[in-house]
């Protein structure tokens, strides 16, 4: 390739030089018929393998249902206190101030002004809410039994992978969520 010394010298000449050989198709040549194409490899017909019907027991579905209810209960018990705390207290500093005041005036030894009493009341409301959040065993049973029936009817259960996720979440979420919220 010939490169000109001056940018303007022969630039047009350089641009019109062919860079690769191109096949020129004649105008009168017949177009190829794509319907005549025969593939060299013919795919074999693969018959789907019929799935064997799942035979989950009600006990297996019950175990999955209990795990699902525990996951829901744990998630609600971990997330909602943080949401409620943010609703009651504008800042983390206000929450800590209310906590300190509640401890300070636990036995009502000193008189409390109206603003301090309001913070203490909010803090006690928060504690009551958190204590009432986890569902009782009879409430768990109320949810788990019909859930197990549904899982059994549809022959579905939690996979071992999902069970692992539940176990890890149950152990680690209580330890990590306070750092986030």
N, C-alpha and C. Protein backbone atom coordinates (compact mmCIF):
# COMPACT_ATOMS: atom_id res chain seq x y z
N UNK A 1 0.85 -1.17 0.00
CA UNK A 1 0.00 0.00 0.00
C UNK A 1 0.89 1.22 0.00
N UNK A 2 0.49 2.18 -0.73
CA UNK A 2 1.26 3.38 -0.91
C UNK A 2 0.68 4.48 -0.03
N UNK A 3 1.45 4.96 0.96
CA UNK A 3 0.96 6.00 1.87
C UNK A 3 1.55 7.33 1.44
N UNK A 4 0.71 8.33 1.20
CA UNK A 4 1.21 9.62 0.75
C UNK A 4 1.96 10.35 1.87
N UNK A 5 2.92 11.18 1.49
CA UNK A 5 3.71 11.94 2.46
C UNK A 5 2.91 13.10 3.03
N UNK A 6 2.18 13.80 2.22
CA UNK A 6 1.36 14.91 2.66
C UNK A 6 -0.06 14.37 2.83
N UNK A 7 -0.75 14.83 3.85
CA UNK A 7 -2.09 14.33 4.14
C UNK A 7 -3.05 14.51 2.97
N UNK A 8 -2.87 15.56 2.20
CA UNK A 8 -3.80 15.83 1.12
C UNK A 8 -3.38 15.17 -0.19
N UNK A 9 -2.11 14.77 -0.31
CA UNK A 9 -1.62 14.18 -1.55
C UNK A 9 -2.19 12.79 -1.76
N UNK A 10 -2.98 12.65 -2.70
CA UNK A 10 -3.48 11.34 -3.08
C UNK A 10 -4.39 10.68 -2.07
N UNK A 11 -4.99 11.45 -1.19
CA UNK A 11 -5.88 10.87 -0.18
C UNK A 11 -7.08 10.20 -0.83
N UNK A 12 -7.62 10.84 -1.82
CA UNK A 12 -8.75 10.27 -2.53
C UNK A 12 -8.33 8.98 -3.23
N UNK A 13 -7.14 9.00 -3.78
CA UNK A 13 -6.62 7.81 -4.45
C UNK A 13 -6.48 6.64 -3.47
N UNK A 14 -6.01 6.95 -2.28
CA UNK A 14 -5.84 5.92 -1.26
C UNK A 14 -7.18 5.35 -0.80
N UNK A 15 -8.18 6.20 -0.68
CA UNK A 15 -9.49 5.76 -0.20
C UNK A 15 -10.21 4.88 -1.20
N UNK A 16 -9.98 5.05 -2.48
CA UNK A 16 -10.69 4.26 -3.48
C UNK A 16 -9.97 2.98 -3.84
N UNK A 17 -8.78 2.75 -3.29
CA UNK A 17 -8.07 1.50 -3.56
C UNK A 17 -8.83 0.34 -2.93
N UNK A 18 -8.93 -0.78 -3.64
CA UNK A 18 -9.63 -1.93 -3.05
C UNK A 18 -8.81 -2.50 -1.88
N UNK A 19 -9.51 -2.89 -0.83
CA UNK A 19 -8.84 -3.46 0.34
C UNK A 19 -8.92 -4.97 0.35
N UNK A 20 -9.87 -5.52 -0.37
CA UNK A 20 -10.00 -6.98 -0.45
C UNK A 20 -10.66 -7.32 -1.78
N UNK A 21 -10.47 -8.54 -2.17
CA UNK A 21 -11.11 -8.98 -3.41
C UNK A 21 -12.59 -9.21 -3.15
N UNK A 22 -13.40 -8.68 -4.02
CA UNK A 22 -14.84 -8.86 -3.86
C UNK A 22 -15.36 -9.63 -5.05
N UNK A 23 -16.31 -10.50 -4.80
CA UNK A 23 -16.93 -11.27 -5.86
C UNK A 23 -18.04 -10.42 -6.46
N UNK A 24 -18.01 -10.32 -7.73
CA UNK A 24 -19.04 -9.54 -8.42
C UNK A 24 -20.07 -10.53 -8.96
N UNK A 25 -21.32 -10.31 -8.60
CA UNK A 25 -22.41 -11.17 -9.06
C UNK A 25 -22.97 -10.56 -10.33
N UNK A 26 -23.06 -11.38 -11.31
CA UNK A 26 -23.59 -10.90 -12.58
C UNK A 26 -25.07 -10.59 -12.42
N UNK A 27 -25.50 -9.58 -13.14
CA UNK A 27 -26.88 -9.14 -13.04
C UNK A 27 -27.85 -10.16 -13.60
N UNK A 28 -27.43 -10.96 -14.58
CA UNK A 28 -28.33 -11.91 -15.21
C UNK A 28 -28.24 -13.30 -14.57
N UNK A 29 -27.42 -13.47 -13.57
CA UNK A 29 -27.26 -14.78 -12.94
C UNK A 29 -28.52 -15.13 -12.18
N UNK A 30 -28.95 -16.40 -12.22
CA UNK A 30 -30.16 -16.79 -11.49
C UNK A 30 -29.89 -16.78 -9.97
N UNK A 31 -30.92 -16.41 -9.22
CA UNK A 31 -30.79 -16.39 -7.76
C UNK A 31 -30.84 -17.82 -7.24
N UNK A 32 -30.07 -18.12 -6.22
CA UNK A 32 -30.11 -19.48 -5.68
C UNK A 32 -31.46 -19.78 -5.04
N UNK A 33 -31.95 -20.98 -5.19
CA UNK A 33 -33.22 -21.40 -4.60
C UNK A 33 -32.93 -22.01 -3.23
N UNK A 34 -33.34 -21.34 -2.19
CA UNK A 34 -33.07 -21.80 -0.82
C UNK A 34 -33.89 -23.03 -0.46
N UNK A 35 -34.96 -23.31 -1.21
CA UNK A 35 -35.78 -24.49 -0.91
C UNK A 35 -35.09 -25.79 -1.34
N UNK A 36 -34.11 -25.66 -2.23
CA UNK A 36 -33.38 -26.85 -2.69
C UNK A 36 -32.31 -27.29 -1.70
N UNK A 37 -32.13 -26.53 -0.65
CA UNK A 37 -31.07 -26.83 0.32
C UNK A 37 -31.42 -28.09 1.10
N UNK A 38 -30.52 -29.02 1.15
CA UNK A 38 -30.69 -30.26 1.91
C UNK A 38 -29.67 -30.26 3.04
N UNK A 39 -30.11 -30.30 4.27
CA UNK A 39 -29.13 -30.36 5.36
C UNK A 39 -28.40 -31.70 5.34
N UNK A 40 -27.13 -31.65 5.70
CA UNK A 40 -26.33 -32.87 5.71
C UNK A 40 -26.71 -33.77 6.89
N UNK A 41 -27.06 -33.17 8.01
CA UNK A 41 -27.40 -33.95 9.20
C UNK A 41 -28.89 -33.81 9.45
N UNK A 42 -29.55 -34.93 9.51
CA UNK A 42 -30.98 -34.91 9.81
C UNK A 42 -31.15 -35.21 11.29
N UNK A 43 -31.86 -34.32 12.02
CA UNK A 43 -32.03 -34.55 13.46
C UNK A 43 -32.92 -35.76 13.71
N UNK A 44 -32.56 -36.49 14.74
CA UNK A 44 -33.38 -37.64 15.13
C UNK A 44 -34.57 -37.13 15.93
N UNK A 45 -35.66 -37.83 15.79
CA UNK A 45 -36.82 -37.47 16.60
C UNK A 45 -36.58 -37.99 18.01
N UNK A 46 -36.71 -37.08 18.96
CA UNK A 46 -36.52 -37.45 20.35
C UNK A 46 -37.88 -37.43 21.02
N UNK A 47 -38.25 -38.57 21.51
CA UNK A 47 -39.52 -38.68 22.21
C UNK A 47 -39.34 -38.19 23.65
N UNK A 48 -40.24 -37.35 24.13
CA UNK A 48 -40.09 -36.90 25.53
C UNK A 48 -40.31 -38.08 26.48
N UNK A 49 -39.48 -38.08 27.50
CA UNK A 49 -39.59 -39.13 28.52
C UNK A 49 -40.71 -38.72 29.46
N UNK A 50 -41.70 -39.57 29.61
CA UNK A 50 -42.80 -39.19 30.52
C UNK A 50 -42.28 -39.13 31.95
N UNK A 51 -42.67 -38.04 32.63
CA UNK A 51 -42.26 -37.90 34.02
C UNK A 51 -43.06 -38.85 34.89
N UNK A 52 -42.34 -39.45 35.82
CA UNK A 52 -43.04 -40.33 36.75
C UNK A 52 -43.79 -39.44 37.73
N UNK A 53 -44.98 -39.82 38.07
CA UNK A 53 -45.74 -39.00 39.00
C UNK A 53 -45.02 -38.93 40.34
N UNK A 54 -44.97 -37.72 40.87
CA UNK A 54 -44.32 -37.51 42.15
C UNK A 54 -45.19 -38.11 43.25
N UNK A 55 -44.54 -38.72 44.18
CA UNK A 55 -45.30 -39.33 45.27
C UNK A 55 -44.84 -38.74 46.59
N UNK A 56 -45.08 -37.46 46.74
CA UNK A 56 -44.75 -36.81 48.00
C UNK A 56 -45.77 -37.22 49.06
N UNK A 57 -45.28 -37.41 50.24
CA UNK A 57 -46.19 -37.75 51.33
C UNK A 57 -46.68 -36.46 51.98
N UNK A 58 -47.76 -36.59 52.71
CA UNK A 58 -48.29 -35.43 53.43
C UNK A 58 -47.28 -34.96 54.47
N UNK A 59 -46.51 -35.88 55.05
CA UNK A 59 -45.50 -35.51 56.05
C UNK A 59 -44.40 -34.65 55.42
N UNK A 60 -43.99 -34.98 54.20
CA UNK A 60 -42.98 -34.17 53.52
C UNK A 60 -43.51 -32.77 53.22
N UNK A 61 -44.75 -32.71 52.78
CA UNK A 61 -45.37 -31.41 52.50
C UNK A 61 -45.56 -30.61 53.79
N UNK A 62 -45.85 -31.31 54.86
CA UNK A 62 -46.02 -30.66 56.16
C UNK A 62 -44.70 -30.02 56.62
N UNK A 63 -43.60 -30.76 56.41
CA UNK A 63 -42.28 -30.24 56.78
C UNK A 63 -41.96 -28.98 55.97
N UNK A 64 -42.24 -29.03 54.68
CA UNK A 64 -42.01 -27.85 53.82
C UNK A 64 -42.89 -26.68 54.26
N UNK A 65 -44.13 -26.97 54.57
CA UNK A 65 -45.05 -25.91 55.00
C UNK A 65 -44.56 -25.27 56.29
N UNK A 66 -44.11 -26.08 57.24
CA UNK A 66 -43.59 -25.52 58.49
C UNK A 66 -42.37 -24.64 58.23
N UNK A 67 -41.51 -25.07 57.34
CA UNK A 67 -40.34 -24.26 56.99
C UNK A 67 -40.73 -22.94 56.36
N UNK A 68 -41.73 -22.98 55.48
CA UNK A 68 -42.19 -21.75 54.83
C UNK A 68 -42.81 -20.78 55.85
N UNK A 69 -43.59 -21.32 56.76
CA UNK A 69 -44.21 -20.47 57.79
C UNK A 69 -43.13 -19.87 58.69
N UNK A 70 -42.13 -20.67 59.05
CA UNK A 70 -41.03 -20.15 59.87
C UNK A 70 -40.28 -19.05 59.14
N UNK A 71 -40.09 -19.23 57.84
CA UNK A 71 -39.41 -18.20 57.06
C UNK A 71 -40.22 -16.91 57.04
N UNK A 72 -41.53 -17.02 56.81
CA UNK A 72 -42.37 -15.82 56.80
C UNK A 72 -42.36 -15.13 58.16
N UNK A 73 -42.48 -15.93 59.23
CA UNK A 73 -42.49 -15.37 60.57
C UNK A 73 -41.16 -14.70 60.89
N UNK A 74 -40.07 -15.35 60.54
CA UNK A 74 -38.76 -14.77 60.80
C UNK A 74 -38.53 -13.49 60.03
N UNK A 75 -38.96 -13.47 58.78
CA UNK A 75 -38.79 -12.27 57.95
C UNK A 75 -39.59 -11.11 58.52
N UNK A 76 -40.83 -11.37 58.88
CA UNK A 76 -41.68 -10.32 59.46
C UNK A 76 -41.09 -9.83 60.78
N UNK A 77 -40.62 -10.76 61.62
CA UNK A 77 -40.07 -10.39 62.93
C UNK A 77 -38.76 -9.62 62.81
N UNK A 78 -38.06 -9.78 61.71
CA UNK A 78 -36.80 -9.07 61.52
C UNK A 78 -36.96 -7.72 60.85
N UNK A 79 -37.85 -7.64 59.90
CA UNK A 79 -37.96 -6.42 59.09
C UNK A 79 -38.90 -5.38 59.72
N UNK A 80 -40.06 -5.82 60.19
CA UNK A 80 -41.05 -4.85 60.66
C UNK A 80 -40.62 -4.02 61.87
N UNK A 81 -39.84 -4.56 62.82
CA UNK A 81 -39.39 -3.68 63.91
C UNK A 81 -38.59 -2.48 63.41
N UNK A 82 -37.76 -2.68 62.43
CA UNK A 82 -36.97 -1.56 61.89
C UNK A 82 -37.88 -0.54 61.21
N UNK A 83 -38.88 -1.03 60.50
CA UNK A 83 -39.82 -0.12 59.83
C UNK A 83 -40.61 0.67 60.87
N UNK A 84 -41.08 -0.01 61.90
CA UNK A 84 -41.86 0.65 62.95
C UNK A 84 -41.01 1.66 63.72
N UNK A 85 -39.75 1.29 63.95
CA UNK A 85 -38.85 2.20 64.66
C UNK A 85 -38.67 3.48 63.87
N UNK A 86 -38.52 3.37 62.56
CA UNK A 86 -38.35 4.56 61.72
C UNK A 86 -39.63 5.39 61.68
N UNK A 87 -40.76 4.73 61.83
CA UNK A 87 -42.04 5.46 61.83
C UNK A 87 -42.21 6.26 63.12
N UNK A 88 -41.78 5.67 64.25
CA UNK A 88 -41.95 6.34 65.54
C UNK A 88 -40.90 7.40 65.81
N UNK A 89 -39.67 7.13 65.41
CA UNK A 89 -38.55 8.01 65.72
C UNK A 89 -37.93 8.51 64.43
N UNK A 90 -37.78 9.81 64.34
CA UNK A 90 -37.26 10.42 63.11
C UNK A 90 -35.81 10.01 62.85
N UNK A 91 -35.03 9.87 63.90
CA UNK A 91 -33.63 9.52 63.73
C UNK A 91 -33.24 8.43 64.71
N UNK A 92 -32.10 7.84 64.45
CA UNK A 92 -31.57 6.83 65.38
C UNK A 92 -31.21 7.49 66.71
N UNK A 93 -30.81 8.74 66.65
CA UNK A 93 -30.47 9.48 67.87
C UNK A 93 -31.70 9.62 68.77
N UNK A 94 -32.86 9.90 68.16
CA UNK A 94 -34.11 10.02 68.96
C UNK A 94 -34.46 8.69 69.61
N UNK A 95 -34.28 7.60 68.85
CA UNK A 95 -34.55 6.27 69.40
C UNK A 95 -33.63 6.00 70.59
N UNK A 96 -32.35 6.27 70.43
CA UNK A 96 -31.40 6.05 71.53
C UNK A 96 -31.70 6.94 72.73
N UNK A 97 -32.14 8.16 72.47
CA UNK A 97 -32.53 9.06 73.56
C UNK A 97 -33.74 8.50 74.31
N UNK A 98 -34.71 7.99 73.58
CA UNK A 98 -35.90 7.41 74.22
C UNK A 98 -35.52 6.18 75.03
N UNK A 99 -34.63 5.38 74.52
CA UNK A 99 -34.17 4.18 75.22
C UNK A 99 -33.46 4.57 76.52
N UNK A 100 -32.60 5.59 76.44
CA UNK A 100 -31.89 6.05 77.63
C UNK A 100 -32.86 6.62 78.67
N UNK A 101 -33.82 7.41 78.23
CA UNK A 101 -34.81 7.98 79.15
C UNK A 101 -35.65 6.89 79.81
N UNK A 102 -36.02 5.88 79.04
CA UNK A 102 -36.83 4.79 79.60
C UNK A 102 -36.05 4.06 80.69
N UNK A 103 -34.77 3.89 80.48
CA UNK A 103 -33.94 3.24 81.52
C UNK A 103 -33.75 4.16 82.72
N UNK A 104 -33.53 5.44 82.43
CA UNK A 104 -33.28 6.40 83.50
C UNK A 104 -34.49 6.54 84.43
N UNK A 105 -35.67 6.60 83.82
CA UNK A 105 -36.89 6.83 84.60
C UNK A 105 -37.69 5.54 84.81
N UNK A 106 -37.01 4.43 84.81
CA UNK A 106 -37.68 3.14 84.95
C UNK A 106 -38.51 3.07 86.25
N UNK A 107 -37.95 3.59 87.30
CA UNK A 107 -38.64 3.54 88.61
C UNK A 107 -39.31 4.85 88.95
N UNK A 108 -39.40 5.79 88.00
CA UNK A 108 -40.03 7.10 88.20
C UNK A 108 -39.52 7.82 89.45
N UNK A 109 -38.23 7.80 89.65
CA UNK A 109 -37.63 8.46 90.81
C UNK A 109 -37.64 9.97 90.62
N UNK A 110 -37.36 10.41 89.40
CA UNK A 110 -37.31 11.84 89.12
C UNK A 110 -38.52 12.22 88.28
N UNK A 111 -38.96 13.46 88.40
CA UNK A 111 -40.09 13.90 87.57
C UNK A 111 -39.68 13.95 86.10
N UNK A 112 -40.65 13.65 85.23
CA UNK A 112 -40.41 13.60 83.80
C UNK A 112 -41.22 14.71 83.14
N UNK A 113 -40.58 15.47 82.22
CA UNK A 113 -41.35 16.50 81.53
C UNK A 113 -42.16 15.86 80.40
N UNK A 114 -43.00 16.65 79.77
CA UNK A 114 -43.94 16.13 78.78
C UNK A 114 -43.24 15.54 77.55
N UNK A 115 -42.19 16.21 77.04
CA UNK A 115 -41.47 15.71 75.87
C UNK A 115 -40.77 14.38 76.18
N UNK A 116 -40.17 14.31 77.36
CA UNK A 116 -39.49 13.07 77.75
C UNK A 116 -40.49 11.93 77.91
N UNK A 117 -41.65 12.24 78.49
CA UNK A 117 -42.68 11.21 78.67
C UNK A 117 -43.19 10.71 77.32
N UNK A 118 -43.31 11.62 76.35
CA UNK A 118 -43.74 11.23 75.01
C UNK A 118 -42.73 10.25 74.38
N UNK A 119 -41.44 10.55 74.52
CA UNK A 119 -40.40 9.65 73.99
C UNK A 119 -40.43 8.29 74.70
N UNK A 120 -40.60 8.32 76.01
CA UNK A 120 -40.65 7.07 76.77
C UNK A 120 -41.86 6.23 76.34
N UNK A 121 -43.00 6.87 76.15
CA UNK A 121 -44.20 6.15 75.71
C UNK A 121 -44.01 5.53 74.33
N UNK A 122 -43.39 6.29 73.41
CA UNK A 122 -43.12 5.74 72.08
C UNK A 122 -42.18 4.54 72.16
N UNK A 123 -41.18 4.63 73.03
CA UNK A 123 -40.24 3.53 73.18
C UNK A 123 -40.95 2.28 73.71
N UNK A 124 -41.83 2.46 74.69
CA UNK A 124 -42.58 1.32 75.23
C UNK A 124 -43.55 0.75 74.18
N UNK A 125 -44.15 1.62 73.37
CA UNK A 125 -45.00 1.14 72.27
C UNK A 125 -44.18 0.28 71.31
N UNK A 126 -42.98 0.73 71.01
CA UNK A 126 -42.09 -0.03 70.12
C UNK A 126 -41.78 -1.40 70.73
N UNK A 127 -41.42 -1.44 72.01
CA UNK A 127 -41.09 -2.71 72.66
C UNK A 127 -42.29 -3.66 72.67
N UNK A 128 -43.48 -3.12 72.94
CA UNK A 128 -44.69 -3.96 72.93
C UNK A 128 -44.95 -4.53 71.54
N UNK A 129 -44.77 -3.69 70.52
CA UNK A 129 -44.97 -4.13 69.14
C UNK A 129 -44.01 -5.27 68.79
N UNK A 130 -42.74 -5.10 69.13
CA UNK A 130 -41.73 -6.12 68.82
C UNK A 130 -42.03 -7.42 69.56
N UNK A 131 -42.48 -7.32 70.80
CA UNK A 131 -42.81 -8.53 71.56
C UNK A 131 -44.00 -9.28 70.98
N UNK A 132 -44.94 -8.55 70.38
CA UNK A 132 -46.16 -9.17 69.85
C UNK A 132 -46.00 -9.69 68.42
N UNK A 133 -44.89 -9.37 67.75
CA UNK A 133 -44.73 -9.73 66.35
C UNK A 133 -44.64 -11.24 66.07
N UNK A 134 -43.77 -11.97 66.73
CA UNK A 134 -43.67 -13.40 66.37
C UNK A 134 -45.01 -14.10 66.57
N UNK A 135 -45.35 -14.97 65.63
CA UNK A 135 -46.63 -15.65 65.75
C UNK A 135 -46.51 -16.84 66.72
N UNK A 136 -47.59 -17.13 67.36
CA UNK A 136 -47.64 -18.22 68.34
C UNK A 136 -47.72 -19.56 67.62
N UNK A 137 -47.48 -20.64 68.35
CA UNK A 137 -47.52 -21.98 67.75
C UNK A 137 -48.88 -22.31 67.16
N UNK A 138 -49.96 -21.92 67.84
CA UNK A 138 -51.28 -22.22 67.29
C UNK A 138 -51.55 -21.40 66.01
N UNK A 139 -50.99 -20.21 65.91
CA UNK A 139 -51.12 -19.41 64.70
C UNK A 139 -50.31 -20.03 63.56
N UNK A 140 -49.12 -20.54 63.89
CA UNK A 140 -48.30 -21.23 62.89
C UNK A 140 -49.06 -22.43 62.34
N UNK A 141 -49.66 -23.18 63.24
CA UNK A 141 -50.42 -24.37 62.84
C UNK A 141 -51.60 -23.99 61.95
N UNK A 142 -52.23 -22.88 62.27
CA UNK A 142 -53.37 -22.39 61.50
C UNK A 142 -52.97 -22.12 60.04
N UNK A 143 -51.74 -21.68 59.83
CA UNK A 143 -51.25 -21.40 58.47
C UNK A 143 -50.65 -22.65 57.83
N UNK A 144 -49.86 -23.40 58.61
CA UNK A 144 -49.08 -24.51 58.06
C UNK A 144 -49.96 -25.67 57.58
N UNK A 145 -51.03 -25.97 58.28
CA UNK A 145 -51.86 -27.12 57.89
C UNK A 145 -52.49 -26.94 56.50
N UNK A 146 -53.18 -25.83 56.24
CA UNK A 146 -53.74 -25.68 54.88
C UNK A 146 -52.65 -25.51 53.82
N UNK A 147 -51.53 -24.92 54.18
CA UNK A 147 -50.43 -24.80 53.23
C UNK A 147 -49.89 -26.18 52.87
N UNK A 148 -49.77 -27.07 53.84
CA UNK A 148 -49.33 -28.44 53.57
C UNK A 148 -50.32 -29.16 52.67
N UNK A 149 -51.60 -28.93 52.89
CA UNK A 149 -52.62 -29.55 52.03
C UNK A 149 -52.49 -29.08 50.58
N UNK A 150 -52.24 -27.79 50.41
CA UNK A 150 -52.07 -27.25 49.06
C UNK A 150 -50.82 -27.84 48.41
N UNK A 151 -49.72 -27.89 49.16
CA UNK A 151 -48.49 -28.48 48.62
C UNK A 151 -48.70 -29.94 48.24
N UNK A 152 -49.44 -30.67 49.06
CA UNK A 152 -49.70 -32.08 48.79
C UNK A 152 -50.58 -32.24 47.54
N UNK A 153 -51.60 -31.41 47.44
CA UNK A 153 -52.51 -31.48 46.29
C UNK A 153 -51.75 -31.27 44.98
N UNK A 154 -50.84 -30.31 44.98
CA UNK A 154 -50.10 -29.99 43.77
C UNK A 154 -48.76 -30.72 43.70
N UNK A 155 -48.52 -31.59 44.67
CA UNK A 155 -47.28 -32.37 44.73
C UNK A 155 -46.04 -31.49 44.60
N UNK A 156 -46.00 -30.45 45.42
CA UNK A 156 -44.88 -29.52 45.46
C UNK A 156 -44.30 -29.51 46.86
N UNK A 157 -43.03 -29.26 46.93
CA UNK A 157 -42.36 -29.13 48.21
C UNK A 157 -41.15 -28.23 48.02
N UNK A 158 -40.53 -27.85 49.10
CA UNK A 158 -39.33 -27.03 49.00
C UNK A 158 -38.17 -27.88 48.51
N UNK A 159 -37.38 -27.32 47.65
CA UNK A 159 -36.19 -28.02 47.19
C UNK A 159 -35.14 -27.97 48.30
N UNK A 160 -34.18 -28.86 48.28
CA UNK A 160 -33.11 -28.82 49.28
C UNK A 160 -32.35 -27.49 49.22
N UNK A 161 -32.21 -26.91 48.03
CA UNK A 161 -31.52 -25.63 47.90
C UNK A 161 -32.29 -24.52 48.62
N UNK A 162 -33.61 -24.53 48.47
CA UNK A 162 -34.42 -23.51 49.14
C UNK A 162 -34.40 -23.72 50.64
N UNK A 163 -34.38 -24.98 51.07
CA UNK A 163 -34.28 -25.27 52.49
C UNK A 163 -32.97 -24.73 53.06
N UNK A 164 -31.89 -24.85 52.28
CA UNK A 164 -30.61 -24.30 52.71
C UNK A 164 -30.68 -22.79 52.83
N UNK A 165 -31.30 -22.13 51.87
CA UNK A 165 -31.44 -20.68 51.92
C UNK A 165 -32.22 -20.27 53.17
N UNK A 166 -33.27 -21.00 53.49
CA UNK A 166 -34.06 -20.69 54.69
C UNK A 166 -33.20 -20.85 55.94
N UNK A 167 -32.44 -21.93 56.00
CA UNK A 167 -31.60 -22.16 57.18
C UNK A 167 -30.56 -21.05 57.34
N UNK A 168 -29.91 -20.69 56.25
CA UNK A 168 -28.90 -19.63 56.31
C UNK A 168 -29.54 -18.29 56.70
N UNK A 169 -30.68 -17.99 56.11
CA UNK A 169 -31.37 -16.74 56.43
C UNK A 169 -31.80 -16.71 57.89
N UNK A 170 -32.28 -17.84 58.40
CA UNK A 170 -32.72 -17.90 59.79
C UNK A 170 -31.56 -17.64 60.75
N UNK A 171 -30.39 -18.11 60.40
CA UNK A 171 -29.23 -17.93 61.27
C UNK A 171 -28.62 -16.54 61.13
N UNK A 172 -28.42 -16.09 59.89
CA UNK A 172 -27.65 -14.87 59.67
C UNK A 172 -28.44 -13.57 59.64
N UNK A 173 -29.69 -13.60 59.23
CA UNK A 173 -30.44 -12.34 59.16
C UNK A 173 -30.56 -11.64 60.52
N UNK A 174 -30.84 -12.35 61.60
CA UNK A 174 -30.91 -11.63 62.89
C UNK A 174 -29.58 -10.98 63.27
N UNK A 175 -28.49 -11.54 62.77
CA UNK A 175 -27.18 -10.98 63.12
C UNK A 175 -26.79 -9.80 62.23
N UNK A 176 -27.31 -9.77 61.00
CA UNK A 176 -26.90 -8.72 60.07
C UNK A 176 -27.88 -7.56 59.92
N UNK A 177 -29.17 -7.80 60.09
CA UNK A 177 -30.14 -6.71 59.89
C UNK A 177 -29.95 -5.53 60.84
N UNK A 178 -29.59 -5.75 62.10
CA UNK A 178 -29.36 -4.57 62.95
C UNK A 178 -28.24 -3.66 62.44
N UNK A 179 -27.31 -4.22 61.70
CA UNK A 179 -26.23 -3.39 61.13
C UNK A 179 -26.74 -2.55 59.97
N UNK A 180 -27.74 -3.05 59.27
CA UNK A 180 -28.27 -2.35 58.10
C UNK A 180 -29.27 -1.27 58.50
N UNK A 181 -30.15 -1.59 59.41
CA UNK A 181 -31.22 -0.65 59.80
C UNK A 181 -30.88 0.10 61.05
